[in-house]
Amino acid sequence: MFMEVSQTSRTSKNTRDDKPQKVSIGLPVYNGSIYIRSALDSLLVQTFDQFELVISDNASTDGTFEICKEYAARDGRIALHRFESNKGLLANFRQVFQLSQNKYFAWAGDHDLWQPHWLESLVKVLDSEPTTVLAYPSVIGIGPNGEELFRDTAVFETAGLNRQDRIRAACSKMVGAGNMVYGLFRADALRKTSVNLNLLMPDRLLLMELALQGGYRAVREPLWKRRYSDAIPRRVGFSDEEQETINERRRRNLFEGKAPWHSYLPTLTLGLGLVYRVSFRSGFRNIHLGPYMTYLFCRRRCQLIKAESKALVKRLMVRT
């Protein structure tokens, strides 16, 4: 059950009702009082201001909701909602999208920062490229105090490719899915995906499904600062033990209560999720496409699947 308090924000001053909205920004929040003010300030000064900001608070206990309520009272673009109990990160991410109502949609982190022209730059891409379904910027990684940690220069895009080449690239070559998912989507294309199923790597599944709808465009400008409170992320080079530590942290953060059994075989489960979503949920129109996409995805990850299987066996042996 969730409590909706959007009436407060919708009737406040500075509603900017004279401008039709085009974008929904979804901001899932949980115990983010340290950074939430800077995040909100960063979003609300965007040069492209024709947006609604949908905030869903996941039963915070540190004053985050009260801060968001304060901002909603000042800016009518904010729609504020709250879960009465913690539903887990994935449910909160789904919630803000389900409550959105505009042509374009973007998720935002409650501890991140954005350049003032972040949204304007991404909207221009989608406006000018009808077959592009996702536009995303380069990212600067920052630490707890805002210090720059790294600049991510990796680029993956499929805009302009035909459907078959898009699918092949998304399943076998895509890098940076965890950053790409914070780009700007065409909402109608996003609705045709799983939108963060209860899996350990829901962003990658979402983006592979999205490849069926259109292309991705990378904006080669660092318009977004993503804050990290722990170690700097790496794309490659993890030992089996390091990867399992990362997976364990994901299990704690993503799910409400006990993590599901399939989260201990995340790569294989994601492949099976592709078959289910692409081949069966589509009414069997793509009956052969799901297994093909799964083959492409798993082919280069055989060692990872073996490592995850070994970690699961080890866990079961310890319990017995």
C-alpha atoms as a PDB file:
ATOM      1  CA  MET A   1       0.000   0.000   0.000  1.00  0.00           C
ATOM      2  CA  PHE A   2       1.283   3.468  -0.731  1.00  0.00           C
ATOM      3  CA  MET A   3       0.178   6.903   0.292  1.00  0.00           C
ATOM      4  CA  GLU A   4      -0.215   9.526  -2.394  1.00  0.00           C
ATOM      5  CA  VAL A   5       0.295  13.142  -1.470  1.00  0.00           C
ATOM      6  CA  SER A   6       0.560  14.562  -4.968  1.00  0.00           C
ATOM      7  CA  GLN A   7      -2.434  16.856  -4.407  1.00  0.00           C
ATOM      8  CA  THR A   8      -0.209  18.974  -2.168  1.00  0.00           C
ATOM      9  CA  SER A   9       2.421  19.431  -4.867  1.00  0.00           C
ATOM     10  CA  ARG A  10      -0.013  19.867  -7.748  1.00  0.00           C
ATOM     11  CA  THR A  11      -1.773  22.785  -6.109  1.00  0.00           C
ATOM     12  CA  SER A  12       1.388  24.594  -5.012  1.00  0.00           C
ATOM     13  CA  LYS A  13       2.922  27.703  -6.520  1.00  0.00           C
ATOM     14  CA  ASN A  14       5.215  27.670  -9.534  1.00  0.00           C
ATOM     15  CA  THR A  15       3.225  24.971 -11.348  1.00  0.00           C
ATOM     16  CA  ARG A  16       4.275  26.235 -14.793  1.00  0.00           C
ATOM     17  CA  ASP A  17       0.935  25.041 -16.164  1.00  0.00           C
ATOM     18  CA  ASP A  18       1.384  27.380 -19.127  1.00  0.00           C
ATOM     19  CA  LYS A  19       3.879  24.909 -20.622  1.00  0.00           C
ATOM     20  CA  PRO A  20       2.760  21.423 -21.705  1.00  0.00           C
ATOM     21  CA  GLN A  21       4.843  18.672 -20.139  1.00  0.00           C
ATOM     22  CA  LYS A  22       6.861  16.390 -22.364  1.00  0.00           C
ATOM     23  CA  VAL A  23       9.098  14.448 -19.975  1.00  0.00           C
ATOM     24  CA  SER A  24       8.640  12.487 -16.761  1.00  0.00           C
ATOM     25  CA  ILE A  25      11.635  12.099 -14.454  1.00  0.00           C
ATOM     26  CA  GLY A  26      11.255   9.258 -11.969  1.00  0.00           C
ATOM     27  CA  LEU A  27      13.126   9.702  -8.691  1.00  0.00           C
ATOM     28  CA  PRO A  28      12.963   6.673  -6.364  1.00  0.00           C
ATOM     29  CA  VAL A  29      14.272   7.671  -2.937  1.00  0.00           C
ATOM     30  CA  TYR A  30      15.196   5.865   0.259  1.00  0.00           C
ATOM     31  CA  ASN A  31      17.057   7.297   3.254  1.00  0.00           C
ATOM     32  CA  GLY A  32      18.834   9.793   1.049  1.00  0.00           C
ATOM     33  CA  SER A  33      18.658  12.864   3.260  1.00  0.00           C
ATOM     34  CA  ILE A  34      22.396  13.558   2.933  1.00  0.00           C
ATOM     35  CA  TYR A  35      22.252  14.210  -0.821  1.00  0.00           C
ATOM     36  CA  ILE A  36      18.570  14.634  -1.717  1.00  0.00           C
ATOM     37  CA  ARG A  37      18.582  18.441  -1.583  1.00  0.00           C
ATOM     38  CA  SER A  38      21.502  18.735  -4.001  1.00  0.00           C
ATOM     39  CA  ALA A  39      19.887  16.159  -6.312  1.00  0.00           C
ATOM     40  CA  LEU A  40      16.560  18.007  -6.346  1.00  0.00           C
ATOM     41  CA  ASP A  41      18.231  21.387  -6.843  1.00  0.00           C
ATOM     42  CA  SER A  42      20.168  19.935  -9.778  1.00  0.00           C
ATOM     43  CA  LEU A  43      17.031  18.557 -11.447  1.00  0.00           C
ATOM     44  CA  LEU A  44      14.780  21.548 -10.890  1.00  0.00           C
ATOM     45  CA  VAL A  45      17.104  24.042 -12.618  1.00  0.00           C
ATOM     46  CA  GLN A  46      17.191  22.143 -15.915  1.00  0.00           C
ATOM     47  CA  THR A  47      17.108  24.423 -18.961  1.00  0.00           C
ATOM     48  CA  PHE A  48      14.389  22.177 -20.375  1.00  0.00           C
ATOM     49  CA  ASP A  49      11.668  22.632 -17.765  1.00  0.00           C
ATOM     50  CA  GLN A  50       8.665  20.953 -19.394  1.00  0.00           C
ATOM     51  CA  PHE A  51       8.740  17.932 -17.112  1.00  0.00           C
ATOM     52  CA  GLU A  52       7.100  16.339 -14.123  1.00  0.00           C
ATOM     53  CA  LEU A  53       9.264  14.952 -11.341  1.00  0.00           C
ATOM     54  CA  VAL A  54       7.696  11.815  -9.892  1.00  0.00           C
ATOM     55  CA  ILE A  55       9.173  10.994  -6.493  1.00  0.00           C
ATOM     56  CA  SER A  56       8.442   7.714  -4.733  1.00  0.00           C
ATOM     57  CA  ASP A  57       9.735   7.377  -1.189  1.00  0.00           C
ATOM     58  CA  ASN A  58      10.367   3.796  -0.083  1.00  0.00           C
ATOM     59  CA  ALA A  59       9.375   4.310   3.577  1.00  0.00           C
ATOM     60  CA  SER A  60      12.448   6.364   4.480  1.00  0.00           C
ATOM     61  CA  THR A  61      13.227   6.811   8.167  1.00  0.00           C
ATOM     62  CA  ASP A  62      15.784   9.644   8.013  1.00  0.00           C
ATOM     63  CA  GLY A  63      13.732  12.671   6.987  1.00  0.00           C
ATOM     64  CA  THR A  64      14.033  12.165   3.226  1.00  0.00           C
ATOM     65  CA  PHE A  65      10.266  12.217   2.741  1.00  0.00           C
ATOM     66  CA  GLU A  66       9.894  15.456   4.710  1.00  0.00           C
ATOM     67  CA  ILE A  67      12.553  17.133   2.550  1.00  0.00           C
ATOM     68  CA  CYS A  68      10.784  15.984  -0.624  1.00  0.00           C
ATOM     69  CA  LYS A  69       7.482  17.239   0.754  1.00  0.00           C
ATOM     70  CA  GLU A  70       9.081  20.634   1.352  1.00  0.00           C
ATOM     71  CA  TYR A  71      10.223  20.810  -2.284  1.00  0.00           C
ATOM     72  CA  ALA A  72       6.834  19.609  -3.571  1.00  0.00           C
ATOM     73  CA  ALA A  73       5.143  22.462  -1.748  1.00  0.00           C
ATOM     74  CA  ARG A  74       7.297  24.915  -3.700  1.00  0.00           C
ATOM     75  CA  ASP A  75       7.270  23.394  -7.186  1.00  0.00           C
ATOM     76  CA  GLY A  76       4.117  22.062  -8.823  1.00  0.00           C
ATOM     77  CA  ARG A  77       6.090  19.900 -11.229  1.00  0.00           C
ATOM     78  CA  ILE A  78       6.708  17.482  -8.366  1.00  0.00           C
ATOM     79  CA  ALA A  79       4.329  14.572  -7.739  1.00  0.00           C
ATOM     80  CA  LEU A  80       5.169  12.941  -4.410  1.00  0.00           C
ATOM     81  CA  HIS A  81       4.249   9.415  -3.371  1.00  0.00           C
ATOM     82  CA  ARG A  82       5.253   7.169  -0.505  1.00  0.00           C
ATOM     83  CA  PHE A  83       5.242   3.469   0.317  1.00  0.00           C
ATOM     84  CA  GLU A  84       4.167   2.820   3.889  1.00  0.00           C
ATOM     85  CA  SER A  85       6.663  -0.068   4.152  1.00  0.00           C
ATOM     86  CA  ASN A  86       9.938  -0.843   2.395  1.00  0.00           C
ATOM     87  CA  LYS A  87       9.185  -2.636  -0.901  1.00  0.00           C
ATOM     88  CA  GLY A  88      12.751  -2.931  -2.144  1.00  0.00           C
ATOM     89  CA  LEU A  89      14.631  -0.913  -4.733  1.00  0.00           C
ATOM     90  CA  LEU A  90      13.197  -2.622  -7.808  1.00  0.00           C
ATOM     91  CA  ALA A  91       9.583  -2.051  -6.760  1.00  0.00           C
ATOM     92  CA  ASN A  92      10.343   1.612  -6.140  1.00  0.00           C
ATOM     93  CA  PHE A  93      11.944   1.992  -9.575  1.00  0.00           C
ATOM     94  CA  ARG A  94       8.898   0.392 -11.200  1.00  0.00           C
ATOM     95  CA  GLN A  95       6.606   2.632  -9.189  1.00  0.00           C
ATOM     96  CA  VAL A  96       7.938   5.936 -10.509  1.00  0.00           C
ATOM     97  CA  PHE A  97       7.599   4.730 -14.100  1.00  0.00           C
ATOM     98  CA  GLN A  98       4.092   3.386 -13.580  1.00  0.00           C
ATOM     99  CA  LEU A  99       3.067   6.772 -12.160  1.00  0.00           C
ATOM    100  CA  SER A 100       4.593   8.747 -15.037  1.00  0.00           C
ATOM    101  CA  GLN A 101       2.443  10.132 -17.841  1.00  0.00           C
ATOM    102  CA  ASN A 102       4.564  11.777 -20.520  1.00  0.00           C
ATOM    103  CA  LYS A 103       6.170  10.978 -23.869  1.00  0.00           C
ATOM    104  CA  TYR A 104       9.726  10.614 -22.567  1.00  0.00           C
ATOM    105  CA  PHE A 105      10.934   9.124 -19.296  1.00  0.00           C
ATOM    106  CA  ALA A 106      14.186   9.073 -17.294  1.00  0.00           C
ATOM    107  CA  TRP A 107      15.159   7.533 -13.969  1.00  0.00           C
ATOM    108  CA  ALA A 108      17.270   9.638 -11.602  1.00  0.00           C
ATOM    109  CA  GLY A 109      19.321   8.678  -8.541  1.00  0.00           C
ATOM    110  CA  ASP A 110      18.648  10.441  -5.242  1.00  0.00           C
ATOM    111  CA  HIS A 111      22.370  11.070  -4.691  1.00  0.00           C
ATOM    112  CA  ASP A 112      23.443  12.172  -8.192  1.00  0.00           C
ATOM    113  CA  LEU A 113      23.952  15.499  -9.966  1.00  0.00           C
ATOM    114  CA  TRP A 114      23.184  16.710 -13.509  1.00  0.00           C
ATOM    115  CA  GLN A 115      24.425  19.508 -15.708  1.00  0.00           C
ATOM    116  CA  PRO A 116      21.707  22.141 -16.320  1.00  0.00           C
ATOM    117  CA  HIS A 117      21.401  21.156 -20.005  1.00  0.00           C
ATOM    118  CA  TRP A 118      21.333  17.386 -19.334  1.00  0.00           C
ATOM    119  CA  LEU A 119      17.647  16.994 -20.121  1.00  0.00           C
ATOM    120  CA  GLU A 120      17.629  19.480 -23.003  1.00  0.00           C
ATOM    121  CA  SER A 121      20.459  17.612 -24.743  1.00  0.00           C
ATOM    122  CA  LEU A 122      18.726  14.230 -24.474  1.00  0.00           C
ATOM    123  CA  VAL A 123      15.329  15.563 -25.564  1.00  0.00           C
ATOM    124  CA  LYS A 124      16.921  17.028 -28.695  1.00  0.00           C
ATOM    125  CA  VAL A 125      18.208  13.586 -29.668  1.00  0.00           C
ATOM    126  CA  LEU A 126      14.842  11.841 -29.307  1.00  0.00           C
ATOM    127  CA  ASP A 127      13.031  14.706 -31.031  1.00  0.00           C
ATOM    128  CA  SER A 128      15.352  14.546 -34.033  1.00  0.00           C
ATOM    129  CA  GLU A 129      15.720  10.754 -34.309  1.00  0.00           C
ATOM    130  CA  PRO A 130      12.320   8.996 -34.432  1.00  0.00           C
ATOM    131  CA  THR A 131      13.846   5.499 -34.468  1.00  0.00           C
ATOM    132  CA  THR A 132      16.037   6.128 -31.417  1.00  0.00           C
ATOM    133  CA  VAL A 133      14.386   4.894 -28.212  1.00  0.00           C
ATOM    134  CA  LEU A 134      17.126   5.764 -25.699  1.00  0.00           C
ATOM    135  CA  ALA A 135      19.546   8.684 -25.447  1.00  0.00           C
ATOM    136  CA  TYR A 136      22.100   8.678 -22.645  1.00  0.00           C
ATOM    137  CA  PRO A 137      25.071  10.888 -21.680  1.00  0.00           C
ATOM    138  CA  SER A 138      28.624  10.223 -20.642  1.00  0.00           C
ATOM    139  CA  VAL A 139      29.080   9.984 -16.893  1.00  0.00           C
ATOM    140  CA  ILE A 140      31.523  11.337 -14.338  1.00  0.00           C
ATOM    141  CA  GLY A 141      31.914   9.163 -11.263  1.00  0.00           C
ATOM    142  CA  ILE A 142      32.144  11.166  -8.041  1.00  0.00           C
ATOM    143  CA  GLY A 143      32.833  10.186  -4.457  1.00  0.00           C
ATOM    144  CA  PRO A 144      30.895  10.921  -1.247  1.00  0.00           C
ATOM    145  CA  ASN A 145      32.154  14.513  -1.097  1.00  0.00           C
ATOM    146  CA  GLY A 146      31.736  15.256  -4.789  1.00  0.00           C
ATOM    147  CA  GLU A 147      35.365  14.555  -5.697  1.00  0.00           C
ATOM    148  CA  GLU A 148      35.853  13.289  -9.242  1.00  0.00           C
ATOM    149  CA  LEU A 149      36.819   9.613  -9.357  1.00  0.00           C
ATOM    150  CA  PHE A 150      36.777   8.853 -13.079  1.00  0.00           C
ATOM    151  CA  ARG A 151      35.273   9.770 -16.436  1.00  0.00           C
ATOM    152  CA  ASP A 152      33.533   7.002 -18.317  1.00  0.00           C
ATOM    153  CA  THR A 153      34.437   7.363 -21.980  1.00  0.00           C
ATOM    154  CA  ALA A 154      32.990   4.016 -23.125  1.00  0.00           C
ATOM    155  CA  VAL A 155      30.387   4.367 -25.861  1.00  0.00           C
ATOM    156  CA  PHE A 156      27.821   1.835 -26.968  1.00  0.00           C
ATOM    157  CA  GLU A 157      25.158   2.822 -29.453  1.00  0.00           C
ATOM    158  CA  THR A 158      22.985   1.138 -32.040  1.00  0.00           C
ATOM    159  CA  ALA A 159      21.157   4.091 -33.564  1.00  0.00           C
ATOM    160  CA  GLY A 160      20.895   3.658 -37.334  1.00  0.00           C
ATOM    161  CA  LEU A 161      21.361  -0.123 -37.309  1.00  0.00           C
ATOM    162  CA  ASN A 162      18.702  -2.487 -38.586  1.00  0.00           C
ATOM    163  CA  ARG A 163      16.755  -4.602 -36.096  1.00  0.00           C
ATOM    164  CA  GLN A 164      18.861  -7.730 -36.452  1.00  0.00           C
ATOM    165  CA  ASP A 165      22.149  -5.860 -35.978  1.00  0.00           C
ATOM    166  CA  ARG A 166      20.747  -3.956 -32.989  1.00  0.00           C
ATOM    167  CA  ILE A 167      19.730  -7.191 -31.298  1.00  0.00           C
ATOM    168  CA  ARG A 168      23.050  -8.868 -31.994  1.00  0.00           C
ATOM    169  CA  ALA A 169      25.012  -5.906 -30.623  1.00  0.00           C
ATOM    170  CA  ALA A 170      22.845  -5.483 -27.518  1.00  0.00           C
ATOM    171  CA  CYS A 171      23.119  -9.155 -26.579  1.00  0.00           C
ATOM    172  CA  SER A 172      26.807  -9.701 -27.269  1.00  0.00           C
ATOM    173  CA  LYS A 173      28.626  -6.352 -27.138  1.00  0.00           C
ATOM    174  CA  MET A 174      26.752  -3.980 -24.834  1.00  0.00           C
ATOM    175  CA  VAL A 175      28.779  -2.351 -22.045  1.00  0.00           C
ATOM    176  CA  GLY A 176      27.677   0.105 -19.385  1.00  0.00           C
ATOM    177  CA  ALA A 177      24.063  -1.028 -19.012  1.00  0.00           C
ATOM    178  CA  GLY A 178      24.022   0.249 -15.427  1.00  0.00           C
ATOM    179  CA  ASN A 179      24.697   3.773 -16.687  1.00  0.00           C
ATOM    180  CA  MET A 180      22.659   3.590 -19.870  1.00  0.00           C
ATOM    181  CA  VAL A 181      19.480   2.790 -17.959  1.00  0.00           C
ATOM    182  CA  TYR A 182      19.614   6.315 -16.490  1.00  0.00           C
ATOM    183  CA  GLY A 183      19.213   7.862 -19.930  1.00  0.00           C
ATOM    184  CA  LEU A 184      16.052   9.263 -21.534  1.00  0.00           C
ATOM    185  CA  PHE A 185      13.611   6.701 -22.969  1.00  0.00           C
ATOM    186  CA  ARG A 186      10.625   6.832 -25.255  1.00  0.00           C
ATOM    187  CA  ALA A 187       8.001   5.838 -22.713  1.00  0.00           C
ATOM    188  CA  ASP A 188       5.896   3.803 -25.156  1.00  0.00           C
ATOM    189  CA  ALA A 189       8.948   1.668 -26.062  1.00  0.00           C
ATOM    190  CA  LEU A 190       9.897   1.266 -22.406  1.00  0.00           C
ATOM    191  CA  ARG A 191       6.405   0.000 -21.554  1.00  0.00           C
ATOM    192  CA  LYS A 192       6.958  -2.938 -23.916  1.00  0.00           C
ATOM    193  CA  THR A 193       9.880  -4.170 -21.790  1.00  0.00           C
ATOM    194  CA  SER A 194       9.945  -5.911 -18.429  1.00  0.00           C
ATOM    195  CA  VAL A 195      10.771  -2.621 -16.628  1.00  0.00           C
ATOM    196  CA  ASN A 196      12.990  -4.091 -13.923  1.00  0.00           C
ATOM    197  CA  LEU A 197      11.853  -7.622 -13.238  1.00  0.00           C
ATOM    198  CA  ASN A 198      12.942  -9.090  -9.901  1.00  0.00           C
ATOM    199  CA  LEU A 199      16.314 -10.191 -11.245  1.00  0.00           C
ATOM    200  CA  LEU A 200      19.848  -9.404 -10.190  1.00  0.00           C
ATOM    201  CA  MET A 201      20.621  -7.650 -13.509  1.00  0.00           C
ATOM    202  CA  PRO A 202      17.256  -6.146 -14.506  1.00  0.00           C
ATOM    203  CA  ASP A 203      18.793  -3.185 -16.334  1.00  0.00           C
ATOM    204  CA  ARG A 204      20.579  -5.431 -18.833  1.00  0.00           C
ATOM    205  CA  LEU A 205      17.425  -7.438 -19.533  1.00  0.00           C
ATOM    206  CA  LEU A 206      15.444  -4.234 -20.027  1.00  0.00           C
ATOM    207  CA  LEU A 207      17.965  -2.864 -22.518  1.00  0.00           C
ATOM    208  CA  MET A 208      18.187  -6.085 -24.510  1.00  0.00           C
ATOM    209  CA  GLU A 209      14.388  -6.104 -24.785  1.00  0.00           C
ATOM    210  CA  LEU A 210      14.485  -2.453 -25.796  1.00  0.00           C
ATOM    211  CA  ALA A 211      16.757  -3.316 -28.727  1.00  0.00           C
ATOM    212  CA  LEU A 212      13.697  -4.813 -30.421  1.00  0.00           C
ATOM    213  CA  GLN A 213      12.030  -1.385 -30.384  1.00  0.00           C
ATOM    214  CA  GLY A 214      14.787   0.899 -31.671  1.00  0.00           C
ATOM    215  CA  GLY A 215      18.325   2.205 -31.291  1.00  0.00           C
ATOM    216  CA  TYR A 216      20.434   3.723 -28.507  1.00  0.00           C
ATOM    217  CA  ARG A 217      22.246   7.015 -28.964  1.00  0.00           C
ATOM    218  CA  ALA A 218      25.206   8.051 -26.803  1.00  0.00           C
ATOM    219  CA  VAL A 219      25.627  11.778 -26.157  1.00  0.00           C
ATOM    220  CA  ARG A 220      29.394  12.194 -25.844  1.00  0.00           C
ATOM    221  CA  GLU A 221      29.288  14.865 -23.181  1.00  0.00           C
ATOM    222  CA  PRO A 222      29.609  14.326 -19.399  1.00  0.00           C
ATOM    223  CA  LEU A 223      26.190  15.621 -18.403  1.00  0.00           C
ATOM    224  CA  TRP A 224      25.653  13.399 -15.369  1.00  0.00           C
ATOM    225  CA  LYS A 225      27.621  12.902 -12.157  1.00  0.00           C
ATOM    226  CA  ARG A 226      26.990   9.524 -10.549  1.00  0.00           C
ATOM    227  CA  ARG A 227      27.920   9.302  -6.897  1.00  0.00           C
ATOM    228  CA  TYR A 228      29.660   6.238  -5.472  1.00  0.00           C
ATOM    229  CA  SER A 229      29.982   5.681  -1.746  1.00  0.00           C
ATOM    230  CA  ASP A 230      32.238   2.631  -1.994  1.00  0.00           C
ATOM    231  CA  ALA A 231      34.835   1.254  -4.425  1.00  0.00           C
ATOM    232  CA  ILE A 232      35.144   2.618  -7.946  1.00  0.00           C
ATOM    233  CA  PRO A 233      33.350   0.215 -10.312  1.00  0.00           C
ATOM    234  CA  ARG A 234      35.252  -1.730 -12.945  1.00  0.00           C
ATOM    235  CA  ARG A 235      33.852  -3.275 -16.108  1.00  0.00           C
ATOM    236  CA  VAL A 236      36.248  -6.209 -16.324  1.00  0.00           C
ATOM    237  CA  GLY A 237      38.875  -8.006 -14.333  1.00  0.00           C
ATOM    238  CA  PHE A 238      36.821  -9.259 -11.387  1.00  0.00           C
ATOM    239  CA  SER A 239      37.881 -12.445  -9.657  1.00  0.00           C
ATOM    240  CA  ASP A 240      35.152 -14.980  -8.886  1.00  0.00           C
ATOM    241  CA  GLU A 241      35.213 -13.876  -5.236  1.00  0.00           C
ATOM    242  CA  GLU A 242      34.916 -10.185  -6.140  1.00  0.00           C
ATOM    243  CA  GLN A 243      32.009 -10.863  -8.478  1.00  0.00           C
ATOM    244  CA  GLU A 244      30.178 -12.823  -5.791  1.00  0.00           C
ATOM    245  CA  THR A 245      30.728  -9.964  -3.325  1.00  0.00           C
ATOM    246  CA  ILE A 246      29.156  -7.579  -5.849  1.00  0.00           C
ATOM    247  CA  ASN A 247      26.247  -9.947  -6.398  1.00  0.00           C
ATOM    248  CA  GLU A 248      25.686 -10.264  -2.651  1.00  0.00           C
ATOM    249  CA  ARG A 249      25.517  -6.484  -2.314  1.00  0.00           C
ATOM    250  CA  ARG A 250      22.997  -6.365  -5.157  1.00  0.00           C
ATOM    251  CA  ARG A 251      20.847  -8.984  -3.413  1.00  0.00           C
ATOM    252  CA  ARG A 252      20.717  -6.863  -0.272  1.00  0.00           C
ATOM    253  CA  ASN A 253      19.792  -3.701  -2.156  1.00  0.00           C
ATOM    254  CA  LEU A 254      17.402  -4.889  -4.844  1.00  0.00           C
ATOM    255  CA  PHE A 255      14.962  -7.161  -3.067  1.00  0.00           C
ATOM    256  CA  GLU A 256      12.525  -6.822  -0.205  1.00  0.00           C
ATOM    257  CA  GLY A 257      13.417  -9.354   2.472  1.00  0.00           C
ATOM    258  CA  LYS A 258      15.066 -12.614   1.456  1.00  0.00           C
ATOM    259  CA  ALA A 259      16.631 -12.671  -2.013  1.00  0.00           C
ATOM    260  CA  PRO A 260      14.951 -15.127  -4.441  1.00  0.00           C
ATOM    261  CA  TRP A 261      16.772 -18.360  -5.257  1.00  0.00           C
ATOM    262  CA  HIS A 262      17.345 -17.412  -8.870  1.00  0.00           C
ATOM    263  CA  SER A 263      19.454 -14.414  -7.829  1.00  0.00           C
ATOM    264  CA  TYR A 264      22.269 -16.889  -7.120  1.00  0.00           C
ATOM    265  CA  LEU A 265      22.399 -17.819 -10.824  1.00  0.00           C
ATOM    266  CA  PRO A 266      21.973 -14.307 -12.239  1.00  0.00           C
ATOM    267  CA  THR A 267      23.478 -14.768 -15.705  1.00  0.00           C
ATOM    268  CA  LEU A 268      21.609 -17.960 -16.523  1.00  0.00           C
ATOM    269  CA  THR A 269      18.396 -16.559 -15.058  1.00  0.00           C
ATOM    270  CA  LEU A 270      18.707 -13.438 -17.190  1.00  0.00           C
ATOM    271  CA  GLY A 271      19.041 -15.631 -20.275  1.00  0.00           C
ATOM    272  CA  LEU A 272      15.920 -17.540 -19.335  1.00  0.00           C
ATOM    273  CA  GLY A 273      14.199 -14.229 -18.710  1.00  0.00           C
ATOM    274  CA  LEU A 274      14.961 -13.243 -22.292  1.00  0.00           C
ATOM    275  CA  VAL A 275      13.270 -16.384 -23.586  1.00  0.00           C
ATOM    276  CA  TYR A 276      10.236 -15.743 -21.423  1.00  0.00           C
ATOM    277  CA  ARG A 277       9.891 -12.053 -22.229  1.00  0.00           C
ATOM    278  CA  VAL A 278      10.746 -12.120 -25.946  1.00  0.00           C
ATOM    279  CA  SER A 279       9.304 -15.465 -27.048  1.00  0.00           C
ATOM    280  CA  PHE A 280       6.326 -16.082 -24.776  1.00  0.00           C
ATOM    281  CA  ARG A 281       5.117 -12.711 -23.514  1.00  0.00           C
ATOM    282  CA  SER A 282       4.960 -11.466 -27.113  1.00  0.00           C
ATOM    283  CA  GLY A 283       2.248 -13.955 -28.013  1.00  0.00           C
ATOM    284  CA  PHE A 284       4.719 -16.322 -29.711  1.00  0.00           C
ATOM    285  CA  ARG A 285       5.390 -13.829 -32.511  1.00  0.00           C
ATOM    286  CA  ASN A 286       9.103 -14.034 -31.677  1.00  0.00           C
ATOM    287  CA  ILE A 287       9.213 -17.685 -30.685  1.00  0.00           C
ATOM    288  CA  HIS A 288      12.708 -18.232 -32.152  1.00  0.00           C
ATOM    289  CA  LEU A 289      14.113 -14.833 -31.200  1.00  0.00           C
ATOM    290  CA  GLY A 290      14.244 -15.360 -27.429  1.00  0.00           C
ATOM    291  CA  PRO A 291      16.485 -18.466 -27.589  1.00  0.00           C
ATOM    292  CA  TYR A 292      18.682 -16.757 -30.188  1.00  0.00           C
ATOM    293  CA  MET A 293      19.161 -13.681 -27.979  1.00  0.00           C
ATOM    294  CA  THR A 294      19.868 -15.920 -24.993  1.00  0.00           C
ATOM    295  CA  TYR A 295      22.499 -17.812 -26.978  1.00  0.00           C
ATOM    296  CA  LEU A 296      24.215 -14.557 -27.947  1.00  0.00           C
ATOM    297  CA  PHE A 297      24.129 -13.294 -24.369  1.00  0.00           C
ATOM    298  CA  CYS A 298      25.356 -16.495 -22.690  1.00  0.00           C
ATOM    299  CA  ARG A 299      27.917 -17.522 -25.303  1.00  0.00           C
ATOM    300  CA  ARG A 300      30.531 -15.060 -24.034  1.00  0.00           C
ATOM    301  CA  ARG A 301      29.658 -15.624 -20.399  1.00  0.00           C
ATOM    302  CA  CYS A 302      30.238 -19.358 -20.002  1.00  0.00           C
ATOM    303  CA  GLN A 303      32.965 -18.832 -17.405  1.00  0.00           C
ATOM    304  CA  LEU A 304      30.743 -16.479 -15.438  1.00  0.00           C
ATOM    305  CA  ILE A 305      27.905 -19.007 -15.424  1.00  0.00           C
ATOM    306  CA  LYS A 306      30.320 -21.672 -14.164  1.00  0.00           C
ATOM    307  CA  ALA A 307      31.584 -19.372 -11.406  1.00  0.00           C
ATOM    308  CA  GLU A 308      28.052 -18.522 -10.285  1.00  0.00           C
ATOM    309  CA  SER A 309      27.149 -22.217 -10.228  1.00  0.00           C
ATOM    310  CA  LYS A 310      30.222 -23.014  -8.112  1.00  0.00           C
ATOM    311  CA  ALA A 311      29.354 -20.214  -5.685  1.00  0.00           C
ATOM    312  CA  LEU A 312      25.810 -21.550  -5.320  1.00  0.00           C
ATOM    313  CA  VAL A 313      27.018 -25.116  -4.682  1.00  0.00           C
ATOM    314  CA  LYS A 314      29.467 -23.792  -2.097  1.00  0.00           C
ATOM    315  CA  ARG A 315      26.701 -21.861  -0.361  1.00  0.00           C
ATOM    316  CA  LEU A 316      24.435 -24.912  -0.267  1.00  0.00           C
ATOM    317  CA  MET A 317      27.229 -27.102   1.114  1.00  0.00           C
ATOM    318  CA  VAL A 318      27.929 -24.621   3.910  1.00  0.00           C
ATOM    319  CA  ARG A 319      24.272 -24.600   4.886  1.00  0.00           C
ATOM    320  CA  THR A 320      24.114 -28.382   5.057  1.00  0.00           C
END
